[in-house]
Amino acid sequence: MNRVLTDEVIEKAVLLAGRAPSLHNSQPWRWEFNGTSLRLFSVPGRMLPSADPSGREMLISCGITLDHLHAAMAAAGWRTIITRFPEPTRLRHLATVTFRPSPIVTEGERERADAIVRRHSDRLPFAAPTGWAEFETVLRSTFEPEDALLDVLSAEARTSLASASRLASSLRRYDSWYQAELRWWAGHTVAAAGIPRAALISQEEYKRVDIGRKFPTVIGEPRRTEVTADDSAVLVLSTDRDTPQELLRCGEVLSTVLLECTIAGYATCPLSHLTEVPQSRAIVRRLTGRTQLPQVLIRVGNVPESAEDAPPTPRLPLSDILTRS
C-alpha cells in the first residue's frame, strides 16, 4: 500500500492528540516531525512546581497525549510503532513514533478518535454508571495489566476516600505557593492553557462531589440538581514504582480508559489531587489493598440527558506543540 505520510495527516493527528487532559490543562508536551517519524518531548516549563514538584503528573499527561496520537493515527489509516525513552541520558525525549500503513480502519478505531473530541473533564456530580459490570469486563481487555493496574473502589470505600480528599485540601490550605498556582491556572486561560471559568463549579455543586479537587468556585444557578450526590464509580490506576517509564505507560492506559468510557456514553473526571499529597496517597493505596502506588483516580458515571454540553477547553495552537526538524 503506497500511502504517503503527509504533513497534513501529522498536523491533524497532533492537534487531536493535543486534546489530551493534563494537570490544570498545562499541556506539557511538544512534538518534532522529521518527515518520517514523530518525537515526543516533555516541556518542564509547563510543569506545575507546587502541585507536581517531581514531574510525575507531567509524565502521565504526556502518556495520555501519546496514546491519543496513536488513536488519531489509527483512524487516519496508520499503525504506530512507539519506542519509549530512546535516549537513556535524555529523559525529556519520551518517545519516537514511526508509522506504517494499516490495511483497514476499524469502526472501533474511528470511534476512539471521535471520542477524543467529545471527552472532557466533567467536575459536576454523576449518577451511577448503568451497565457497569459488563463494561468493566470489556474495559479491562483494552490494555495490558503490566502497564497499569486498575481497581474499582467499593461503595464502602467512599467515606474514607472523601476523608482523604478533605485531608489533601486541608494540608494545602496554608500553602501559599500551591494556592497561588491553583488560582493562576484555574478561572482564566494562560496562552490557550489553564482551566476556564466555564469548567469550574459552584460551592453548592462542590458539596455534592465529595472527592473533587478544591478549585476556586464560581457563582451561578446550581446545575444538575437532579443528581443530589455524586454516585460515580471510582477507578484507580496504580504502578509498581514512580519511574518515568511506568508513569508514561500509566498515562497511555489512562487515555484508553477515558476514551473507552466516552465511547460507552459515560462522563469522566480524572482526579490527581489525592495522589499529590503523601498522606492521602497512602489512604488510596490502602483502599486498593495493593502494595503498588496509586497514580490517578477517575470518576465515571452517567449524566442526565438534559445536561448541556460543556464548551471545549482551550488548547495550545499547533505552532506551540509541533516543530519540524
Protein backbone atom coordinates (compact mmCIF):
# COMPACT_ATOMS: atom_id res chain seq x y z
CA MET A 1 0.00 0.00 0.00
CA ASN A 2 1.65 3.20 -1.22
CA ARG A 3 0.08 5.63 1.19
CA VAL A 4 2.06 8.84 1.75
CA LEU A 5 2.59 10.21 5.23
CA THR A 6 1.81 13.88 4.60
CA ASP A 7 2.29 16.92 6.79
CA GLU A 8 -1.48 17.34 6.84
CA VAL A 9 -2.01 13.88 8.33
CA ILE A 10 0.57 14.56 11.03
CA GLU A 11 -0.78 18.01 11.83
CA LYS A 12 -4.34 16.76 12.23
CA ALA A 13 -3.18 13.90 14.47
CA VAL A 14 -1.04 16.15 16.67
CA LEU A 15 -3.90 18.62 17.06
CA LEU A 16 -6.22 15.77 18.05
CA ALA A 17 -3.60 14.41 20.46
CA GLY A 18 -3.41 17.90 21.94
CA ARG A 19 -6.95 17.42 23.24
CA ALA A 20 -5.47 15.15 25.94
CA PRO A 21 -6.24 16.17 29.52
CA SER A 22 -3.36 17.38 31.68
CA LEU A 23 -2.86 18.82 35.14
CA HIS A 24 -4.76 22.15 35.12
CA ASN A 25 -4.70 21.95 31.30
CA SER A 26 -0.99 22.77 31.30
CA GLN A 27 -0.32 20.70 28.12
CA PRO A 28 3.34 19.89 28.94
CA TRP A 29 4.27 18.24 25.63
CA ARG A 30 5.96 19.06 22.34
CA TRP A 31 6.31 17.05 19.13
CA GLU A 32 9.04 17.14 16.47
CA PHE A 33 8.43 15.76 12.96
CA ASN A 34 11.30 14.99 10.59
CA GLY A 35 9.23 13.79 7.64
CA THR A 36 9.10 10.14 8.66
CA SER A 37 8.84 9.98 12.46
CA LEU A 38 7.49 11.98 15.37
CA ARG A 39 9.42 12.59 18.56
CA LEU A 40 7.60 13.41 21.79
CA PHE A 41 9.26 15.64 24.41
CA SER A 42 8.13 16.81 27.82
CA VAL A 43 8.19 20.55 28.44
CA PRO A 44 9.36 21.23 32.02
CA GLY A 45 8.47 24.90 31.58
CA ARG A 46 4.81 23.83 31.65
CA MET A 47 5.23 21.68 34.75
CA LEU A 48 3.42 22.89 37.87
CA PRO A 49 6.10 23.03 40.59
CA SER A 50 3.76 23.23 43.59
CA ALA A 51 1.19 20.61 42.60
CA ASP A 52 3.68 18.40 40.74
CA PRO A 53 7.22 19.06 42.03
CA SER A 54 8.62 15.74 40.78
CA GLY A 55 7.08 15.98 37.30
CA ARG A 56 5.15 12.76 37.90
CA GLU A 57 1.88 14.13 36.58
CA MET A 58 3.65 15.82 33.68
CA LEU A 59 4.81 12.38 32.51
CA ILE A 60 1.34 10.89 32.96
CA SER A 61 -0.10 13.75 30.91
CA CYS A 62 2.44 13.12 28.17
CA GLY A 63 1.47 9.45 28.18
CA ILE A 64 -2.14 10.47 27.56
CA THR A 65 -1.21 12.58 24.54
CA LEU A 66 0.97 9.74 23.22
CA ASP A 67 -1.97 7.32 23.27
CA HIS A 68 -4.27 9.99 21.83
CA LEU A 69 -1.81 10.30 18.93
CA HIS A 70 -1.92 6.52 18.47
CA ALA A 71 -5.74 6.70 18.29
CA ALA A 72 -5.71 9.64 15.88
CA MET A 73 -3.23 7.97 13.51
CA ALA A 74 -5.14 4.67 13.62
CA ALA A 75 -8.28 6.48 12.48
CA ALA A 76 -6.24 8.07 9.67
CA GLY A 77 -5.12 4.63 8.48
CA TRP A 78 -1.67 4.39 10.08
CA ARG A 79 -0.20 1.96 12.59
CA THR A 80 2.19 3.41 15.15
CA ILE A 81 5.44 1.85 16.32
CA ILE A 82 6.41 3.50 19.60
CA THR A 83 9.91 3.44 21.07
CA ARG A 84 9.78 4.85 24.58
CA PHE A 85 12.77 6.69 26.07
CA PRO A 86 15.08 6.03 23.12
CA GLU A 87 17.83 8.21 24.66
CA PRO A 88 18.55 6.91 28.19
CA THR A 89 20.54 10.03 29.10
CA ARG A 90 17.91 12.44 27.75
CA LEU A 91 14.72 11.67 29.64
CA ARG A 92 12.88 14.66 28.19
CA HIS A 93 12.76 12.69 24.95
CA LEU A 94 9.84 10.45 25.90
CA ALA A 95 9.14 8.56 22.69
CA THR A 96 9.84 8.23 18.99
CA VAL A 97 6.90 7.19 16.85
CA THR A 98 7.20 5.70 13.37
CA PHE A 99 4.37 4.66 11.10
CA ARG A 100 3.26 2.06 8.60
CA PRO A 101 0.03 1.94 6.58
CA SER A 102 -2.83 -0.06 8.02
CA PRO A 103 -4.81 -2.40 5.75
CA ILE A 104 -8.15 -1.09 7.12
CA VAL A 105 -9.55 1.35 9.61
CA THR A 106 -11.91 -0.42 12.01
CA GLU A 107 -15.13 1.01 13.37
CA GLY A 108 -13.61 0.90 16.86
CA GLU A 109 -10.63 2.97 15.74
CA ARG A 110 -12.92 5.63 14.29
CA GLU A 111 -14.98 5.65 17.48
CA ARG A 112 -11.92 6.12 19.66
CA ALA A 113 -10.68 9.09 17.62
CA ASP A 114 -14.16 10.63 17.67
CA ALA A 115 -14.22 10.17 21.46
CA ILE A 116 -11.15 12.40 21.80
CA VAL A 117 -13.23 15.36 20.64
CA ARG A 118 -16.26 14.52 22.82
CA ARG A 119 -14.37 13.74 26.04
CA HIS A 120 -14.00 16.42 28.67
CA SER A 121 -13.37 16.54 32.40
CA ASP A 122 -16.79 16.94 34.00
CA ARG A 123 -16.49 18.25 37.57
CA LEU A 124 -20.24 18.13 38.31
CA PRO A 125 -21.85 15.19 40.16
CA PHE A 126 -22.61 11.94 38.29
CA ALA A 127 -25.31 9.33 38.66
CA ALA A 128 -24.14 5.72 38.97
CA PRO A 129 -22.88 4.28 35.66
CA THR A 130 -25.51 1.94 34.23
CA GLY A 131 -24.35 -1.40 32.86
CA TRP A 132 -21.03 -1.05 34.67
CA ALA A 133 -20.33 -4.74 35.41
CA GLU A 134 -20.46 -5.71 31.73
CA PHE A 135 -18.50 -2.66 30.64
CA GLU A 136 -15.76 -3.22 33.22
CA THR A 137 -15.04 -6.63 31.69
CA VAL A 138 -14.63 -5.02 28.27
CA LEU A 139 -12.57 -2.15 29.64
CA ARG A 140 -10.03 -4.45 31.26
CA SER A 141 -9.43 -6.11 27.89
CA THR A 142 -8.30 -2.85 26.25
CA PHE A 143 -4.90 -2.53 27.95
CA GLU A 144 -2.15 -4.68 29.40
CA PRO A 145 -2.10 -5.10 33.21
CA GLU A 146 1.68 -4.74 33.24
CA ASP A 147 1.25 -1.15 32.01
CA ALA A 148 -1.02 -0.19 34.94
CA LEU A 149 -3.27 -1.93 37.42
CA LEU A 150 -6.93 -0.97 37.52
CA ASP A 151 -9.03 -1.10 40.69
CA VAL A 152 -12.65 -0.09 41.10
CA LEU A 153 -13.17 1.05 44.67
CA SER A 154 -16.15 -0.30 46.58
CA ALA A 155 -19.05 1.86 47.70
CA GLU A 156 -17.90 1.23 51.27
CA ALA A 157 -14.58 2.92 50.46
CA ARG A 158 -16.27 6.18 49.53
CA THR A 159 -16.32 7.61 53.08
CA SER A 160 -12.59 7.03 53.52
CA LEU A 161 -11.92 8.42 50.06
CA ALA A 162 -13.88 11.58 50.85
CA SER A 163 -11.86 11.95 54.05
CA ALA A 164 -8.65 11.58 52.05
CA SER A 165 -9.81 14.28 49.66
CA ARG A 166 -10.56 16.67 52.51
CA LEU A 167 -7.20 15.85 54.07
CA ALA A 168 -5.37 16.66 50.82
CA SER A 169 -7.16 20.00 50.68
CA SER A 170 -6.58 20.82 54.35
CA LEU A 171 -2.85 20.10 54.18
CA ARG A 172 -2.55 22.69 51.41
CA ARG A 173 -4.84 25.29 52.88
CA TYR A 174 -1.95 27.48 54.04
CA ASP A 175 0.44 26.60 51.20
CA SER A 176 0.59 29.99 49.53
CA TRP A 177 2.64 28.72 46.57
CA TYR A 178 0.13 25.97 45.81
CA GLN A 179 -2.84 28.30 46.25
CA ALA A 180 -1.30 30.96 44.02
CA GLU A 181 -0.50 28.37 41.36
CA LEU A 182 -4.03 26.96 41.52
CA ARG A 183 -5.61 30.38 41.10
CA TRP A 184 -3.26 31.26 38.27
CA TRP A 185 -4.27 28.19 36.26
CA ALA A 186 -7.96 27.95 37.23
CA GLY A 187 -10.57 30.50 36.27
CA HIS A 188 -8.83 32.02 33.27
CA THR A 189 -6.72 30.85 30.37
CA VAL A 190 -2.97 31.38 30.12
CA ALA A 191 -1.99 31.49 26.44
CA ALA A 192 -4.68 28.93 25.49
CA ALA A 193 -3.88 26.80 28.54
CA GLY A 194 -5.42 26.65 32.02
CA ILE A 195 -8.95 25.89 33.18
CA PRO A 196 -11.62 28.40 32.04
CA ARG A 197 -14.34 29.56 34.40
CA ALA A 198 -16.95 27.61 32.43
CA ALA A 199 -15.25 24.37 33.52
CA LEU A 200 -15.36 25.23 37.25
CA ILE A 201 -18.22 24.56 39.66
CA SER A 202 -20.00 26.45 42.43
CA GLN A 203 -19.67 25.86 46.15
CA GLU A 204 -23.08 24.15 46.20
CA GLU A 205 -22.05 21.83 43.36
CA TYR A 206 -18.71 21.13 45.03
CA LYS A 207 -20.53 19.88 48.14
CA ARG A 208 -22.27 17.25 46.00
CA VAL A 209 -18.92 15.94 44.71
CA ASP A 210 -17.23 14.79 47.89
CA ILE A 211 -13.95 13.69 46.31
CA GLY A 212 -13.23 16.53 43.87
CA ARG A 213 -10.23 18.85 43.95
CA LYS A 214 -10.92 22.12 45.75
CA PHE A 215 -10.75 24.64 42.90
CA PRO A 216 -11.76 28.29 43.10
CA THR A 217 -15.56 28.24 42.89
CA VAL A 218 -17.87 30.25 40.64
CA ILE A 219 -21.26 31.86 41.28
CA GLY A 220 -24.34 30.78 39.37
CA GLU A 221 -27.52 28.76 39.39
CA PRO A 222 -26.91 25.19 40.61
CA ARG A 223 -26.62 22.73 37.73
CA ARG A 224 -27.59 19.09 37.54
CA THR A 225 -29.75 19.42 40.66
CA GLU A 226 -31.46 16.09 39.97
CA VAL A 227 -28.17 14.41 40.98
CA THR A 228 -28.24 15.15 44.69
CA ALA A 229 -24.91 13.43 45.46
CA ASP A 230 -22.14 12.04 43.30
CA ASP A 231 -22.63 8.30 42.80
CA SER A 232 -19.83 7.69 40.33
CA ALA A 233 -17.72 4.59 40.07
CA VAL A 234 -14.20 5.47 41.22
CA LEU A 235 -11.31 3.85 39.38
CA VAL A 236 -7.68 3.83 40.49
CA LEU A 237 -4.68 3.26 38.23
CA SER A 238 -1.51 2.08 40.01
CA THR A 239 2.04 1.16 39.06
CA ASP A 240 4.85 -0.65 40.86
CA ARG A 241 7.00 2.47 41.14
CA ASP A 242 7.21 6.11 40.08
CA THR A 243 9.72 5.55 37.29
CA PRO A 244 9.40 7.67 34.13
CA GLN A 245 8.77 4.55 32.07
CA GLU A 246 5.92 3.41 34.29
CA LEU A 247 4.39 6.88 34.52
CA LEU A 248 4.37 7.31 30.74
CA ARG A 249 2.68 3.95 30.24
CA CYS A 250 0.21 4.72 33.01
CA GLY A 251 -0.77 7.84 31.10
CA GLU A 252 -1.32 5.75 27.99
CA VAL A 253 -3.63 3.45 29.95
CA LEU A 254 -5.46 6.47 31.40
CA SER A 255 -6.07 7.68 27.84
CA THR A 256 -7.52 4.31 26.90
CA VAL A 257 -9.79 4.25 29.96
CA LEU A 258 -11.09 7.77 29.33
CA LEU A 259 -11.77 7.17 25.65
CA GLU A 260 -13.42 3.78 26.18
CA CYS A 261 -15.66 5.29 28.86
CA THR A 262 -16.58 8.12 26.48
CA ILE A 263 -17.46 5.65 23.72
CA ALA A 264 -19.70 3.80 26.19
CA GLY A 265 -21.55 7.04 26.94
CA TYR A 266 -20.12 7.71 30.40
CA ALA A 267 -18.91 11.04 31.75
CA THR A 268 -15.45 11.08 33.30
CA CYS A 269 -13.25 13.22 35.50
CA PRO A 270 -9.62 12.33 36.35
CA LEU A 271 -8.58 13.11 39.93
CA SER A 272 -4.92 13.63 40.75
CA HIS A 273 -5.01 15.70 43.95
CA LEU A 274 -5.49 12.54 46.03
CA THR A 275 -2.10 11.21 44.92
CA GLU A 276 -0.18 14.50 45.18
CA VAL A 277 -0.04 14.50 48.99
CA PRO A 278 1.72 11.51 50.64
CA GLN A 279 -0.89 11.18 53.40
CA SER A 280 -3.89 10.99 51.07
CA ARG A 281 -2.00 8.82 48.61
CA ALA A 282 -1.35 6.34 51.41
CA ILE A 283 -5.09 6.19 52.14
CA VAL A 284 -5.89 5.47 48.49
CA ARG A 285 -3.21 2.80 48.43
CA ARG A 286 -4.74 1.18 51.49
CA LEU A 287 -8.19 1.25 49.89
CA THR A 288 -6.92 -0.62 46.82
CA GLY A 289 -5.43 -3.32 49.05
CA ARG A 290 -2.28 -3.30 46.92
CA THR A 291 1.38 -2.59 47.53
CA GLN A 292 1.58 -0.70 44.23
CA LEU A 293 1.48 3.10 44.10
CA PRO A 294 -1.77 4.80 43.07
CA GLN A 295 -1.14 7.33 40.31
CA VAL A 296 -4.52 8.73 39.34
CA LEU A 297 -8.21 8.22 40.10
CA ILE A 298 -11.11 8.57 37.65
CA ARG A 299 -14.74 9.28 38.40
CA VAL A 300 -17.05 7.57 35.90
CA GLY A 301 -20.81 7.90 35.72
CA ASN A 302 -23.95 8.93 33.91
CA VAL A 303 -25.25 12.46 33.43
CA PRO A 304 -28.85 13.47 32.68
CA GLU A 305 -29.82 13.58 29.02
CA SER A 306 -30.76 17.21 29.52
CA ALA A 307 -27.23 18.12 30.61
CA GLU A 308 -25.70 20.83 28.45
CA ASP A 309 -22.51 20.10 26.58
CA ALA A 310 -19.54 21.87 28.09
CA PRO A 311 -17.70 24.30 25.81
CA PRO A 312 -14.34 22.96 24.60
CA THR A 313 -11.44 23.76 26.89
CA PRO A 314 -8.87 25.86 25.00
CA ARG A 315 -5.75 24.22 23.66
CA LEU A 316 -2.37 25.50 22.53
CA PRO A 317 -2.04 26.23 18.82
CA LEU A 318 -0.24 23.79 16.56
CA SER A 319 2.79 26.07 16.34
CA ASP A 320 3.32 25.69 20.10
CA ILE A 321 3.25 21.90 20.16
CA LEU A 322 4.72 20.83 16.79
CA THR A 323 8.04 21.70 15.19
CA ARG A 324 9.87 20.27 12.19
CA SER A 325 13.44 19.07 12.26
